[in-house]
Amino acid sequence: MVNIEGHPKEFDFRALALPEAMARSLARAFAAQSRGWTGHSSAQAYWGHLTLFAQFLNGLDQVPDDLDGLTAATLKRWRARHGGRGPNPDRGTRAAAA
């Protein structure tokens, strides 16, 4: 992510300790969202939510391999625990596909 002043900031999706396909999909969603950001603070806030989401996924009995493995029940559990805060992976993947 490069801010409005041209300073880069990198995020290591391997640090999320998720299956490789899931990490790649989240990275694509992150990149799609970042196109509208002008500062590192937006990126850092979104990264914090992604980290929280990854911790939630890693706490599941079975971590989905990719976003298409997320069930409605899993997402309801996420929303119940976190009040719906955090990234919307579906929104990001649609933006990435556009």
Protein backbone atom coordinates (compact mmCIF):
# COMPACT_ATOMS: atom_id res chain seq x y z
CA MET A 1 0.00 0.00 0.00
CA VAL A 2 1.37 3.42 -0.95
CA ASN A 3 0.01 6.49 0.81
CA ILE A 4 -0.82 9.81 -0.81
CA GLU A 5 2.75 11.02 -0.14
CA GLY A 6 4.20 8.03 -1.98
CA HIS A 7 5.47 6.14 1.09
CA PRO A 8 4.96 2.38 0.87
CA LYS A 9 3.78 0.11 3.68
CA GLU A 10 3.78 -3.66 3.36
CA PHE A 11 1.65 -6.26 5.09
CA ASP A 12 2.68 -9.90 5.39
CA PHE A 13 -0.35 -12.11 4.85
CA ARG A 14 1.71 -15.20 5.72
CA ALA A 15 1.74 -13.86 9.29
CA LEU A 16 -2.01 -14.54 9.47
CA ALA A 17 -1.18 -18.28 9.60
CA LEU A 18 -4.09 -19.17 7.32
CA PRO A 19 -4.17 -21.65 4.45
CA GLU A 20 -2.29 -20.26 1.46
CA ALA A 21 -5.38 -19.88 -0.74
CA MET A 22 -7.25 -18.02 2.01
CA ALA A 23 -4.29 -15.69 2.60
CA ARG A 24 -4.06 -14.96 -1.14
CA SER A 25 -7.78 -14.21 -1.37
CA LEU A 26 -7.63 -11.89 1.63
CA ALA A 27 -4.57 -10.18 0.12
CA ARG A 28 -6.50 -9.58 -3.12
CA ALA A 29 -9.46 -8.18 -1.16
CA PHE A 30 -7.08 -5.97 0.84
CA ALA A 31 -5.44 -4.68 -2.34
CA ALA A 32 -8.82 -3.95 -3.93
CA GLN A 33 -9.93 -2.00 -0.86
CA SER A 34 -6.64 -0.12 -0.61
CA ARG A 35 -7.12 1.58 -3.97
CA GLY A 36 -9.33 4.15 -2.26
CA TRP A 37 -7.08 4.78 0.74
CA THR A 38 -4.82 7.80 1.00
CA GLY A 39 -3.07 7.08 4.29
CA HIS A 40 -1.38 4.30 6.19
CA SER A 41 -3.88 4.67 9.03
CA SER A 42 -6.68 3.25 6.85
CA ALA A 43 -4.48 0.32 5.86
CA GLN A 44 -3.44 -0.29 9.46
CA ALA A 45 -7.06 -0.25 10.67
CA TYR A 46 -8.14 -2.71 7.97
CA TRP A 47 -5.11 -4.90 8.75
CA GLY A 48 -6.14 -4.96 12.41
CA HIS A 49 -9.59 -6.20 11.43
CA LEU A 50 -8.07 -8.81 9.11
CA THR A 51 -5.80 -10.00 11.92
CA LEU A 52 -8.80 -10.35 14.22
CA PHE A 53 -10.71 -12.22 11.50
CA ALA A 54 -7.73 -14.56 10.96
CA GLN A 55 -7.56 -15.27 14.70
CA PHE A 56 -11.26 -16.11 14.63
CA LEU A 57 -10.78 -18.45 11.65
CA ASN A 58 -7.76 -20.10 13.26
CA GLY A 59 -9.92 -20.81 16.31
CA LEU A 60 -12.39 -22.87 14.27
CA ASP A 61 -12.33 -26.66 14.41
CA GLN A 62 -11.76 -26.67 10.64
CA VAL A 63 -10.22 -23.60 8.98
CA PRO A 64 -11.63 -23.17 5.46
CA ASP A 65 -9.04 -23.38 2.68
CA ASP A 66 -10.40 -20.26 0.98
CA LEU A 67 -13.19 -17.69 1.18
CA ASP A 68 -15.62 -19.94 -0.67
CA GLY A 69 -15.35 -22.36 2.26
CA LEU A 70 -16.87 -19.85 4.68
CA THR A 71 -20.37 -20.89 5.61
CA ALA A 72 -23.29 -18.69 6.60
CA ALA A 73 -23.08 -20.21 10.09
CA THR A 74 -19.40 -19.29 10.39
CA LEU A 75 -20.04 -15.71 9.30
CA LYS A 76 -22.96 -15.47 11.75
CA ARG A 77 -20.61 -16.58 14.54
CA TRP A 78 -18.12 -13.91 13.47
CA ARG A 79 -20.80 -11.22 13.48
CA ALA A 80 -22.15 -12.36 16.83
CA ARG A 81 -18.70 -12.18 18.41
CA HIS A 82 -17.57 -8.98 16.76
CA GLY A 83 -20.73 -7.05 16.03
CA GLY A 84 -20.11 -7.23 12.31
CA ARG A 85 -16.89 -5.20 12.60
CA GLY A 86 -14.03 -5.91 10.34
CA PRO A 87 -13.45 -6.65 6.70
CA ASN A 88 -16.15 -7.78 4.36
CA PRO A 89 -14.31 -10.42 2.31
CA ASP A 90 -17.20 -10.70 -0.14
CA ARG A 91 -17.10 -6.97 -0.91
CA GLY A 92 -13.36 -7.10 -1.51
CA THR A 93 -13.44 -10.14 -3.76
CA ARG A 94 -16.12 -8.56 -5.92
CA ALA A 95 -14.02 -5.43 -6.21
CA ALA A 96 -10.95 -7.51 -7.04
CA ALA A 97 -12.87 -9.36 -9.75
CA ALA A 98 -13.99 -6.12 -11.39
